[in-house]
Amino acid sequence: MLKTLLVALVVGAASFLTGPSGVAAATSDRPDTAHRWVGYEIPRNGRADGGWIGGYRIDDTPIFVTTPAREPNVSGYRPARVVENLDGRGGASSTETERAAWILSKYGGYRDATQAAAVDASVYALVVGGRWRTTGERGAHRIRETPASATVRRFARIMLAQASRHAGEYDARATARGADVGGTITATVTVTDGGGRPAAGLPVTLVAAGASAVQAVSGDDGRAVARFAAPQPGWRRITATVGKVPEHRLHLRLPVRRGQAAAAEGGDRRTLVATTRAAVRGPQALALRATPATVLVGSPTQVTATVSGDGTQRALTGTLHGPFATTSEAHCGGSAGGTVTATVGADGDYTLPPVSPGAPGYYVWQVAVDGTATALAATACGAATTVKAVAQVSVTALDPEMQPGNAEVRVSLSGLPRYPAVTTTLNVWGPYASQEAMTAGGCSGAIAAAVDQKMNGDATVTLIPYVGEAGWYALQATVPPGELHQGARSACLALGTVLHVS
């Protein structure tokens, strides 16, 4: 059994196996009066360190004497108060106070005579020191008076060594790795001892909002890990509760009567709570519409995006791709005709700044909204936009005064791409009896001649309509509207657009 206890001490186990107890007195009716709990009888000497080496108990609370040179406590103890630093009283520094508290917390709550005697000896060594150290005159003598002196001495030495490594305030920190909706959140709590080393073997409860608690134990690396489903987007609060954490403070009980012994409680543990948040990313909705859907070359066009996300401010970027020859060819991998940005927040409609295309054709918008901690980035392609060219056509009579026969008329077309060719029609309005009648008619009425000509953009041709009657004639060219260009009509009765046949 002693070998088993020694192994437990060496590996820093949370508890010792229960061993044989020493002599213990009957339970007192006074709640703050201590009685012997577990340990060994030793010779009395009239002081608190005589007669007993081990633990006492007040009701169900173990206590260990901290003032060996005082009178034995027969009058009872005051309620416990938490002391972080004995501040040199009795020879204990703040470090020694922490070590004594750690030993009392870690090993002072288990009913084993040998272990309790080792706790008693270790507490004296730290809190008082001097001749009460385990190697000091009084400390060593008390240990020798036990029936298991070699084991008590060995246990005390191990306890003191462990306390020098682990004593101090423990710390727990929680972290979480978020997930996308439908994935798994991984939450980790890391527990470290007073020396900053991993604290193993501590029970941990991890809870995520809306999920069942997960029970775990800190491993050799001081970590406990839990995983939670992520069914909805947003922030998930995760709380980690670490139990049975060794104390770094003494729970000190002062005597009711001055001059009698004080004591500190054994087996007191702390609970640490650490919280963190995990981000669960969900999809964003993004719908597009062109405003307007048809524009002229050089005119502004915009896209309105209907955004639904998490309400966090983020960037919205739109790129106009084109031109394309047909709607079926339009896609968001083509050349960019312009890129604009805006900032979005709450769900709603957002109109991006305008882009003015410089060439006719079919265009399409690609809009991307940035992701956030709880929203995935989204991209949409659509909002087809038609950009139409503005055709300009003019006519000039090369021989405005002529006799009946073939007239020569120069027709110029501009503002359209070279391909495809468009049909241009030259109309010869008339004849009018007089110049005044022609002016009053204003390119209406009878058409003496009409000539159709296929023309490419930015081209000039000479057409030869036949004019066989005398009179006044008005010349006018027209281009019918197409999918990618506006219709055009030359100015009526402008300078150079009148024929006089005589």
Protein backbone atom coordinates (compact mmCIF):
# COMPACT_ATOMS: atom_id res chain seq x y z
CA MET A 1 0.00 0.00 0.00
CA LEU A 2 2.83 2.44 0.83
CA LYS A 3 4.38 1.79 -2.57
CA THR A 4 1.05 2.68 -4.20
CA LEU A 5 0.88 5.93 -2.23
CA LEU A 6 4.41 6.84 -3.24
CA VAL A 7 3.63 6.30 -6.92
CA ALA A 8 0.55 8.52 -6.59
CA LEU A 9 2.64 11.29 -5.12
CA VAL A 10 5.34 11.03 -7.78
CA VAL A 11 2.91 11.36 -10.68
CA GLY A 12 0.97 14.13 -8.94
CA ALA A 13 -2.30 12.24 -8.83
CA ALA A 14 -5.36 14.10 -7.61
CA SER A 15 -5.85 11.76 -4.66
CA PHE A 16 -4.17 9.13 -2.54
CA LEU A 17 -5.50 5.70 -1.84
CA THR A 18 -7.17 5.47 1.54
CA GLY A 19 -4.81 3.96 4.11
CA PRO A 20 -5.01 3.04 7.79
CA SER A 21 -6.08 5.92 10.03
CA GLY A 22 -4.62 6.92 13.37
CA VAL A 23 -6.46 7.42 16.62
CA ALA A 24 -9.30 9.93 16.40
CA ALA A 25 -11.41 11.41 19.15
CA ALA A 26 -15.19 11.33 19.22
CA THR A 27 -17.06 14.05 17.36
CA SER A 28 -17.68 17.19 19.42
CA ASP A 29 -21.05 18.91 19.61
CA ARG A 30 -19.37 22.31 19.17
CA PRO A 31 -19.21 23.13 15.42
CA ASP A 32 -15.92 25.08 15.63
CA THR A 33 -14.18 22.69 17.99
CA ALA A 34 -11.66 20.41 16.32
CA HIS A 35 -11.11 16.76 17.04
CA ARG A 36 -8.54 14.35 15.79
CA TRP A 37 -9.33 13.07 12.37
CA VAL A 38 -6.56 10.97 10.86
CA GLY A 39 -2.88 10.65 11.71
CA TYR A 40 -0.65 9.21 14.44
CA GLU A 41 -0.34 9.74 18.17
CA ILE A 42 3.03 11.01 19.32
CA PRO A 43 4.25 11.98 22.80
CA ARG A 44 2.67 15.07 24.33
CA ASN A 45 4.83 18.08 25.15
CA GLY A 46 2.28 20.68 26.23
CA ARG A 47 2.38 22.45 22.85
CA ALA A 48 0.27 22.18 19.73
CA ASP A 49 2.91 20.14 17.90
CA GLY A 50 2.81 17.38 20.50
CA GLY A 51 0.44 14.49 21.05
CA TRP A 52 -0.64 14.20 17.40
CA ILE A 53 0.81 14.40 13.90
CA GLY A 54 -1.85 14.52 11.21
CA GLY A 55 -5.17 16.22 10.59
CA TYR A 56 -8.02 17.38 12.76
CA ARG A 57 -11.59 17.96 11.74
CA ILE A 58 -14.30 20.52 12.41
CA ASP A 59 -17.50 18.77 11.44
CA ASP A 60 -16.61 17.49 7.94
CA THR A 61 -13.79 19.98 7.31
CA PRO A 62 -10.20 18.77 7.74
CA ILE A 63 -7.79 21.23 9.38
CA PHE A 64 -4.05 21.21 10.06
CA VAL A 65 -2.32 23.19 12.79
CA THR A 66 -0.13 26.07 11.60
CA THR A 67 1.27 27.34 14.94
CA PRO A 68 3.12 24.43 16.56
CA ALA A 69 4.62 26.40 19.46
CA ARG A 70 1.28 27.59 20.85
CA GLU A 71 -0.94 25.80 23.32
CA PRO A 72 -3.19 23.06 21.99
CA ASN A 73 -6.53 24.44 20.83
CA VAL A 74 -9.23 23.26 23.21
CA SER A 75 -11.51 26.30 22.97
CA GLY A 76 -12.33 26.17 19.27
CA TYR A 77 -11.69 28.15 16.12
CA ARG A 78 -13.15 31.20 14.47
CA PRO A 79 -14.73 30.95 10.99
CA ALA A 80 -12.22 30.54 8.18
CA ARG A 81 -10.88 33.54 6.33
CA VAL A 82 -8.95 33.46 3.09
CA VAL A 83 -5.32 34.55 3.35
CA GLU A 84 -3.18 35.00 0.24
CA ASN A 85 -0.03 35.92 2.09
CA LEU A 86 0.96 35.32 5.70
CA ASP A 87 3.34 38.22 5.12
CA GLY A 88 6.19 36.77 7.09
CA ARG A 89 4.17 35.83 10.17
CA GLY A 90 5.65 32.68 11.58
CA GLY A 91 8.44 32.88 9.01
CA ALA A 92 6.29 32.22 5.92
CA SER A 93 6.89 34.26 2.76
CA SER A 94 4.25 34.69 0.06
CA THR A 95 5.82 31.83 -1.90
CA GLU A 96 5.83 29.55 1.13
CA THR A 97 2.22 30.51 1.85
CA GLU A 98 1.24 29.46 -1.68
CA ARG A 99 3.10 26.17 -1.35
CA ALA A 100 1.49 25.36 1.98
CA ALA A 101 -1.93 26.20 0.54
CA TRP A 102 -1.25 23.96 -2.47
CA ILE A 103 -0.29 20.97 -0.28
CA LEU A 104 -3.30 21.46 1.99
CA SER A 105 -5.61 21.75 -1.01
CA LYS A 106 -4.11 18.91 -2.99
CA TYR A 107 -3.49 16.34 -0.25
CA GLY A 108 -5.19 17.60 2.90
CA GLY A 109 -8.65 16.24 2.16
CA TYR A 110 -7.95 12.50 2.03
CA ARG A 111 -8.35 10.11 4.93
CA ASP A 112 -4.96 8.44 5.14
CA ALA A 113 -2.79 8.53 8.26
CA THR A 114 0.58 8.54 6.50
CA GLN A 115 -0.50 11.17 4.02
CA ALA A 116 -2.04 13.35 6.74
CA ALA A 117 1.16 13.14 8.80
CA ALA A 118 3.18 14.19 5.74
CA VAL A 119 0.83 17.14 5.14
CA ASP A 120 1.21 18.16 8.82
CA ALA A 121 5.01 18.02 8.59
CA SER A 122 5.10 19.85 5.24
CA VAL A 123 2.84 22.67 6.45
CA TYR A 124 5.04 23.23 9.51
CA ALA A 125 8.14 23.25 7.28
CA LEU A 126 6.68 25.96 5.05
CA VAL A 127 4.62 28.11 7.41
CA VAL A 128 7.00 28.08 10.39
CA GLY A 129 10.27 26.66 9.09
CA GLY A 130 13.41 26.64 11.18
CA ARG A 131 13.49 23.76 13.65
CA TRP A 132 10.13 22.57 12.29
CA ARG A 133 11.47 21.87 8.82
CA THR A 134 11.39 18.19 7.93
CA THR A 135 15.15 18.13 8.41
CA GLY A 136 15.07 20.44 11.43
CA GLU A 137 15.40 19.28 15.02
CA ARG A 138 11.70 19.34 15.94
CA GLY A 139 10.34 18.53 12.49
CA ALA A 140 12.53 15.46 12.02
CA HIS A 141 11.85 14.32 15.61
CA ARG A 142 8.07 14.40 15.15
CA ILE A 143 8.35 12.35 11.94
CA ARG A 144 10.56 9.77 13.68
CA GLU A 145 7.89 9.32 16.35
CA THR A 146 5.41 7.93 13.78
CA PRO A 147 5.21 4.19 13.07
CA ALA A 148 5.76 4.89 9.35
CA SER A 149 8.48 7.51 9.66
CA ALA A 150 10.37 6.60 6.49
CA THR A 151 7.22 6.83 4.38
CA VAL A 152 6.03 10.03 6.06
CA ARG A 153 9.44 11.61 5.43
CA ARG A 154 9.41 10.46 1.79
CA PHE A 155 5.85 11.70 1.25
CA ALA A 156 6.66 15.07 2.80
CA ARG A 157 9.74 15.45 0.61
CA ILE A 158 7.69 14.69 -2.52
CA MET A 159 4.89 17.06 -1.47
CA LEU A 160 7.35 19.88 -0.92
CA ALA A 161 9.03 19.23 -4.27
CA GLN A 162 5.69 19.17 -6.09
CA ALA A 163 4.57 22.34 -4.35
CA SER A 164 7.72 24.14 -5.47
CA ARG A 165 6.82 23.26 -9.08
CA HIS A 166 3.08 23.70 -9.14
CA ALA A 167 2.01 26.04 -6.33
CA GLY A 168 0.53 29.42 -7.13
CA GLU A 169 -2.60 30.68 -8.79
CA TYR A 170 -3.88 28.38 -11.53
CA ASP A 171 -5.19 29.82 -14.75
CA ALA A 172 -7.72 28.63 -17.33
CA ARG A 173 -8.07 30.05 -20.81
CA ALA A 174 -10.62 29.10 -23.41
CA THR A 175 -10.24 29.32 -27.17
CA ALA A 176 -12.48 28.20 -29.98
CA ARG A 177 -12.08 27.50 -33.66
CA GLY A 178 -15.21 28.56 -35.49
CA ALA A 179 -16.93 26.74 -38.32
CA ASP A 180 -19.25 27.22 -41.24
CA VAL A 181 -22.91 26.35 -40.83
CA GLY A 182 -23.24 22.58 -40.75
CA GLY A 183 -19.68 22.15 -39.50
CA THR A 184 -18.21 21.61 -36.04
CA ILE A 185 -16.91 24.12 -33.50
CA THR A 186 -13.79 23.00 -31.64
CA ALA A 187 -13.44 24.49 -28.16
CA THR A 188 -10.28 24.13 -26.10
CA VAL A 189 -9.61 25.08 -22.50
CA THR A 190 -5.99 25.19 -21.35
CA VAL A 191 -5.25 24.96 -17.64
CA THR A 192 -1.87 25.93 -16.22
CA ASP A 193 -0.59 25.67 -12.67
CA GLY A 194 1.08 28.33 -10.57
CA GLY A 195 4.36 27.74 -12.37
CA GLY A 196 2.79 28.11 -15.80
CA ARG A 197 3.02 24.38 -16.50
CA PRO A 198 0.16 22.30 -17.92
CA ALA A 199 -2.22 21.14 -15.20
CA ALA A 200 -3.41 17.60 -15.93
CA GLY A 201 -6.23 15.55 -14.45
CA LEU A 202 -8.70 18.33 -13.67
CA PRO A 203 -12.40 17.88 -14.50
CA VAL A 204 -13.68 20.31 -17.10
CA THR A 205 -17.22 21.07 -18.21
CA LEU A 206 -17.58 22.84 -21.55
CA VAL A 207 -20.90 24.36 -22.55
CA ALA A 208 -21.87 26.09 -25.79
CA ALA A 209 -25.05 28.12 -25.95
CA GLY A 210 -27.87 25.91 -27.15
CA ALA A 211 -25.92 22.66 -26.81
CA SER A 212 -25.53 19.98 -24.17
CA ALA A 213 -22.59 20.21 -21.79
CA VAL A 214 -19.49 18.15 -22.53
CA GLN A 215 -17.53 16.61 -19.66
CA ALA A 216 -13.78 16.25 -20.10
CA VAL A 217 -10.52 16.00 -18.16
CA SER A 218 -7.44 18.10 -18.79
CA GLY A 219 -4.71 16.04 -20.40
CA ASP A 220 -0.96 16.00 -19.94
CA ASP A 221 -0.81 19.15 -22.02
CA GLY A 222 -3.29 20.83 -19.69
CA ARG A 223 -5.94 20.89 -22.38
CA ALA A 224 -9.49 19.66 -22.62
CA VAL A 225 -11.27 19.71 -25.97
CA ALA A 226 -14.96 19.61 -26.87
CA ARG A 227 -16.76 19.78 -30.18
CA PHE A 228 -20.15 21.30 -30.87
CA ALA A 229 -22.41 21.30 -33.90
CA ALA A 230 -22.83 24.60 -35.74
CA PRO A 231 -26.38 24.61 -37.14
CA GLN A 232 -26.88 28.38 -37.32
CA PRO A 233 -24.73 31.39 -38.17
CA GLY A 234 -23.67 33.87 -35.53
CA TRP A 235 -21.54 34.04 -32.41
CA ARG A 236 -21.68 31.12 -29.96
CA ARG A 237 -20.60 31.74 -26.39
CA ILE A 238 -18.59 28.90 -24.89
CA THR A 239 -18.03 28.54 -21.15
CA ALA A 240 -15.44 26.22 -19.63
CA THR A 241 -15.67 25.39 -15.92
CA VAL A 242 -12.62 23.74 -14.37
CA GLY A 243 -13.20 22.03 -11.03
CA LYS A 244 -11.04 20.74 -8.20
CA VAL A 245 -8.37 23.35 -8.83
CA PRO A 246 -5.72 23.48 -6.07
CA GLU A 247 -5.82 26.59 -3.93
CA HIS A 248 -3.10 29.21 -3.76
CA ARG A 249 -4.61 30.78 -0.64
CA LEU A 250 -4.83 29.52 2.93
CA HIS A 251 -8.26 29.11 4.47
CA LEU A 252 -7.06 30.14 7.90
CA ARG A 253 -8.93 29.55 11.16
CA LEU A 254 -7.75 31.68 14.06
CA PRO A 255 -8.29 30.49 17.63
CA VAL A 256 -11.17 31.68 19.75
CA ARG A 257 -8.79 32.09 22.70
CA ARG A 258 -5.51 33.91 22.32
CA GLY A 259 -2.41 31.81 22.79
CA GLN A 260 -4.00 28.65 21.42
CA ALA A 261 -3.13 27.14 18.05
CA ALA A 262 -4.39 28.39 14.70
CA ALA A 263 -5.08 26.03 11.80
CA ALA A 264 -5.69 25.97 8.05
CA GLU A 265 -8.31 23.93 6.23
CA GLY A 266 -7.37 20.99 4.05
CA GLY A 267 -9.01 19.84 0.84
CA ASP A 268 -10.31 23.25 -0.24
CA ARG A 269 -10.46 23.50 -4.03
CA ARG A 270 -11.29 26.28 -6.42
CA THR A 271 -13.39 26.47 -9.58
CA LEU A 272 -12.12 28.39 -12.60
CA VAL A 273 -14.41 29.71 -15.31
CA ALA A 274 -13.17 30.76 -18.75
CA THR A 275 -15.30 32.00 -21.61
CA THR A 276 -14.79 32.63 -25.29
CA ARG A 277 -16.83 33.05 -28.44
CA ALA A 278 -16.86 31.01 -31.61
CA ALA A 279 -17.89 32.41 -34.97
CA VAL A 280 -20.21 30.33 -37.12
CA ARG A 281 -20.24 31.55 -40.71
CA GLY A 282 -23.41 31.33 -42.73
CA PRO A 283 -24.22 32.17 -46.36
CA GLN A 284 -25.12 35.64 -47.57
CA ALA A 285 -27.89 36.28 -50.09
CA LEU A 286 -27.06 38.52 -53.03
CA ALA A 287 -29.44 39.52 -55.84
CA LEU A 288 -28.69 41.99 -58.67
CA ARG A 289 -30.59 44.27 -61.01
CA ALA A 290 -29.26 46.79 -63.52
CA THR A 291 -30.37 50.41 -63.09
CA PRO A 292 -31.12 51.10 -65.91
CA ALA A 293 -30.88 47.96 -68.00
CA THR A 294 -30.34 49.87 -71.28
CA VAL A 295 -28.10 52.89 -71.75
CA LEU A 296 -26.34 54.73 -74.53
CA VAL A 297 -22.60 54.65 -75.07
CA GLY A 298 -20.95 57.06 -72.64
CA SER A 299 -23.97 57.19 -70.34
CA PRO A 300 -23.78 55.90 -66.76
CA THR A 301 -25.15 52.53 -65.76
CA GLN A 302 -25.38 51.15 -62.24
CA VAL A 303 -26.19 47.94 -60.45
CA THR A 304 -28.36 47.60 -57.36
CA ALA A 305 -27.49 44.71 -55.06
CA THR A 306 -29.95 43.33 -52.55
CA VAL A 307 -27.77 42.07 -49.71
CA SER A 308 -28.72 39.87 -46.79
CA GLY A 309 -26.00 38.94 -44.30
CA ASP A 310 -25.03 39.53 -40.69
CA GLY A 311 -25.33 43.33 -40.64
CA THR A 312 -21.62 43.95 -40.18
CA GLN A 313 -20.07 46.68 -42.31
CA ARG A 314 -18.23 45.14 -45.23
CA ALA A 315 -17.16 45.94 -48.77
CA LEU A 316 -19.33 45.47 -51.85
CA THR A 317 -17.44 45.40 -55.16
CA GLY A 318 -19.01 45.49 -58.60
CA THR A 319 -17.30 44.91 -61.95
CA LEU A 320 -18.97 45.50 -65.31
CA HIS A 321 -17.81 42.90 -67.84
CA GLY A 322 -18.13 43.43 -71.60
CA PRO A 323 -18.83 44.25 -74.31
CA PHE A 324 -20.15 40.99 -75.77
CA ALA A 325 -21.73 40.56 -79.20
CA THR A 326 -24.73 38.58 -77.96
CA THR A 327 -26.51 38.05 -74.67
CA SER A 328 -25.65 34.35 -74.72
CA GLU A 329 -21.94 35.17 -74.84
CA ALA A 330 -22.08 37.52 -71.84
CA HIS A 331 -20.28 36.14 -68.78
CA CYS A 332 -18.37 37.39 -65.77
CA GLY A 333 -15.01 36.18 -66.99
CA GLY A 334 -14.72 38.70 -69.79
CA SER A 335 -12.78 41.93 -69.91
CA ALA A 336 -13.67 44.45 -67.22
CA GLY A 337 -15.30 47.67 -68.29
CA GLY A 338 -15.00 49.24 -64.84
CA THR A 339 -14.93 48.39 -61.14
CA VAL A 340 -16.68 50.26 -58.33
CA THR A 341 -17.05 49.72 -54.58
CA ALA A 342 -19.37 50.61 -51.73
CA THR A 343 -19.80 49.75 -48.06
CA VAL A 344 -22.80 47.75 -46.90
CA GLY A 345 -24.15 47.04 -43.44
CA ALA A 346 -27.73 46.15 -42.65
CA ASP A 347 -29.76 44.00 -45.01
CA GLY A 348 -31.23 45.95 -47.91
CA ASP A 349 -30.64 47.44 -51.36
CA TYR A 350 -27.34 49.10 -52.21
CA THR A 351 -26.70 50.88 -55.51
CA LEU A 352 -23.05 50.96 -56.53
CA PRO A 353 -21.48 54.03 -58.14
CA PRO A 354 -21.99 54.36 -61.91
CA VAL A 355 -19.81 53.07 -64.72
CA SER A 356 -19.97 54.65 -68.20
CA PRO A 357 -19.26 52.05 -70.93
CA GLY A 358 -17.40 53.38 -73.95
CA ALA A 359 -18.49 50.79 -76.51
CA PRO A 360 -21.81 49.28 -77.52
CA GLY A 361 -22.62 45.69 -76.71
CA TYR A 362 -23.99 43.44 -74.03
CA TYR A 363 -22.55 43.73 -70.53
CA VAL A 364 -23.03 41.82 -67.30
CA TRP A 365 -22.31 42.77 -63.67
CA GLN A 366 -20.29 40.70 -61.25
CA VAL A 367 -20.80 41.77 -57.64
CA ALA A 368 -18.95 40.40 -54.61
CA VAL A 369 -19.69 41.08 -50.96
CA ASP A 370 -16.90 40.46 -48.49
CA GLY A 371 -17.22 37.86 -45.79
CA THR A 372 -17.18 38.59 -42.06
CA ALA A 373 -16.53 36.57 -38.97
CA THR A 374 -20.05 35.13 -39.20
CA ALA A 375 -20.86 35.43 -42.90
CA LEU A 376 -19.31 33.77 -45.92
CA ALA A 377 -18.24 35.89 -48.86
CA ALA A 378 -20.75 35.83 -51.72
CA THR A 379 -20.52 36.55 -55.44
CA ALA A 380 -23.30 36.99 -57.99
CA CYS A 381 -23.22 37.43 -61.76
CA GLY A 382 -26.13 39.02 -63.58
CA ALA A 383 -27.91 42.31 -64.10
CA ALA A 384 -27.43 42.22 -67.89
CA THR A 385 -27.04 45.67 -69.39
CA THR A 386 -27.46 46.67 -73.02
CA VAL A 387 -25.30 49.55 -74.21
CA LYS A 388 -26.46 51.10 -77.45
CA ALA A 389 -24.39 53.14 -79.89
CA VAL A 390 -25.61 56.59 -80.95
CA ALA A 391 -25.62 56.73 -84.75
CA GLN A 392 -25.14 60.02 -86.60
CA VAL A 393 -25.96 60.36 -90.29
CA SER A 394 -25.65 63.35 -92.63
CA VAL A 395 -26.27 64.07 -96.33
CA THR A 396 -24.74 66.53 -98.76
CA ALA A 397 -25.94 67.26 -102.30
CA LEU A 398 -22.85 67.36 -104.49
CA ASP A 399 -24.72 69.25 -107.29
CA PRO A 400 -27.60 71.12 -105.63
CA GLU A 401 -28.61 72.83 -108.93
CA MET A 402 -29.21 70.24 -111.62
CA GLN A 403 -31.31 69.19 -114.55
CA PRO A 404 -33.51 66.06 -114.41
CA GLY A 405 -31.39 62.93 -114.15
CA ASN A 406 -29.10 61.23 -111.66
CA ALA A 407 -28.25 63.24 -108.56
CA GLU A 408 -25.09 62.74 -106.57
CA VAL A 409 -25.58 62.72 -102.79
CA ARG A 410 -22.85 62.07 -100.25
CA VAL A 411 -24.05 60.13 -97.14
CA SER A 412 -21.84 59.92 -94.03
CA LEU A 413 -22.44 57.55 -91.09
CA SER A 414 -20.62 57.75 -87.74
CA GLY A 415 -20.98 56.62 -84.12
CA LEU A 416 -21.36 52.91 -84.89
CA PRO A 417 -18.81 50.11 -84.79
CA ARG A 418 -17.46 49.03 -88.14
CA TYR A 419 -19.28 45.73 -87.92
CA PRO A 420 -21.98 44.71 -88.45
CA ALA A 421 -23.09 46.85 -91.37
CA VAL A 422 -26.45 48.64 -91.09
CA THR A 423 -28.93 49.66 -93.76
CA THR A 424 -28.99 53.38 -94.48
CA THR A 425 -31.87 54.78 -96.54
CA LEU A 426 -31.64 58.01 -98.53
CA ASN A 427 -35.06 59.62 -99.14
CA VAL A 428 -35.60 62.34 -101.74
CA TRP A 429 -38.72 64.26 -100.63
CA GLY A 430 -40.63 66.14 -103.33
CA PRO A 431 -41.06 67.61 -105.78
CA TYR A 432 -42.28 70.82 -104.14
CA ALA A 433 -43.55 73.62 -106.37
CA SER A 434 -41.52 76.23 -104.54
CA GLN A 435 -38.88 76.64 -101.92
CA GLU A 436 -41.54 77.96 -99.57
CA ALA A 437 -43.67 74.85 -100.11
CA MET A 438 -40.65 72.65 -99.41
CA THR A 439 -39.97 74.48 -96.18
CA ALA A 440 -43.58 74.11 -95.15
CA GLY A 441 -43.55 70.38 -95.98
CA GLY A 442 -40.50 69.71 -93.84
CA CYS A 443 -39.40 66.32 -95.19
CA SER A 444 -42.89 64.90 -95.48
CA GLY A 445 -45.28 63.99 -98.18
CA ALA A 446 -44.27 62.28 -101.40
CA ILE A 447 -40.91 60.56 -101.87
CA ALA A 448 -39.50 61.00 -105.34
CA ALA A 449 -36.73 58.44 -104.82
CA ALA A 450 -35.37 56.18 -102.09
CA VAL A 451 -32.02 54.37 -102.07
CA ASP A 452 -30.96 51.72 -99.51
CA GLN A 453 -27.28 51.18 -98.81
CA LYS A 454 -25.48 48.81 -96.44
CA MET A 455 -22.91 50.86 -94.57
CA ASN A 456 -20.30 50.13 -92.00
CA GLY A 457 -19.79 52.46 -89.09
CA ASP A 458 -17.74 55.59 -89.68
CA ALA A 459 -18.14 55.36 -93.46
CA THR A 460 -19.06 57.75 -96.29
CA VAL A 461 -20.66 56.74 -99.59
CA THR A 462 -22.04 58.59 -102.63
CA LEU A 463 -25.53 57.56 -103.67
CA ILE A 464 -27.09 58.38 -107.05
CA PRO A 465 -30.88 58.66 -106.88
CA TYR A 466 -32.78 59.45 -110.13
CA VAL A 467 -34.74 62.70 -110.05
CA GLY A 468 -36.78 63.13 -113.25
CA GLU A 469 -39.09 66.10 -112.56
CA ALA A 470 -38.35 69.76 -112.11
CA GLY A 471 -38.94 71.23 -108.65
CA TRP A 472 -37.53 71.50 -105.18
CA TYR A 473 -36.39 68.42 -103.26
CA ALA A 474 -35.35 67.77 -99.63
CA LEU A 475 -32.72 65.11 -98.94
CA GLN A 476 -32.77 63.04 -95.74
CA ALA A 477 -31.00 59.82 -94.67
CA THR A 478 -32.25 57.47 -91.95
CA VAL A 479 -30.82 54.55 -90.01
CA PRO A 480 -33.38 52.23 -88.37
CA PRO A 481 -32.86 51.34 -84.68
CA GLY A 482 -31.19 48.03 -83.83
CA GLU A 483 -30.52 45.99 -80.69
CA LEU A 484 -27.20 47.70 -80.14
CA HIS A 485 -27.77 51.14 -81.67
CA GLN A 486 -30.30 53.90 -81.74
CA GLY A 487 -32.03 54.94 -84.92
CA ALA A 488 -30.80 58.12 -86.58
CA ARG A 489 -32.15 60.70 -89.02
CA SER A 490 -30.19 63.44 -90.74
CA ALA A 491 -31.28 67.05 -90.26
CA CYS A 492 -34.08 68.16 -92.59
CA LEU A 493 -33.50 71.22 -94.80
CA ALA A 494 -30.02 71.75 -93.38
CA LEU A 495 -27.45 73.55 -95.49
CA GLY A 496 -26.45 71.35 -98.43
CA THR A 497 -29.44 69.00 -98.19
CA VAL A 498 -31.67 70.65 -100.88
CA LEU A 499 -31.87 69.87 -104.60
CA HIS A 500 -33.26 72.30 -107.17
CA VAL A 501 -34.07 70.59 -110.49
CA SER A 502 -34.90 72.83 -113.41
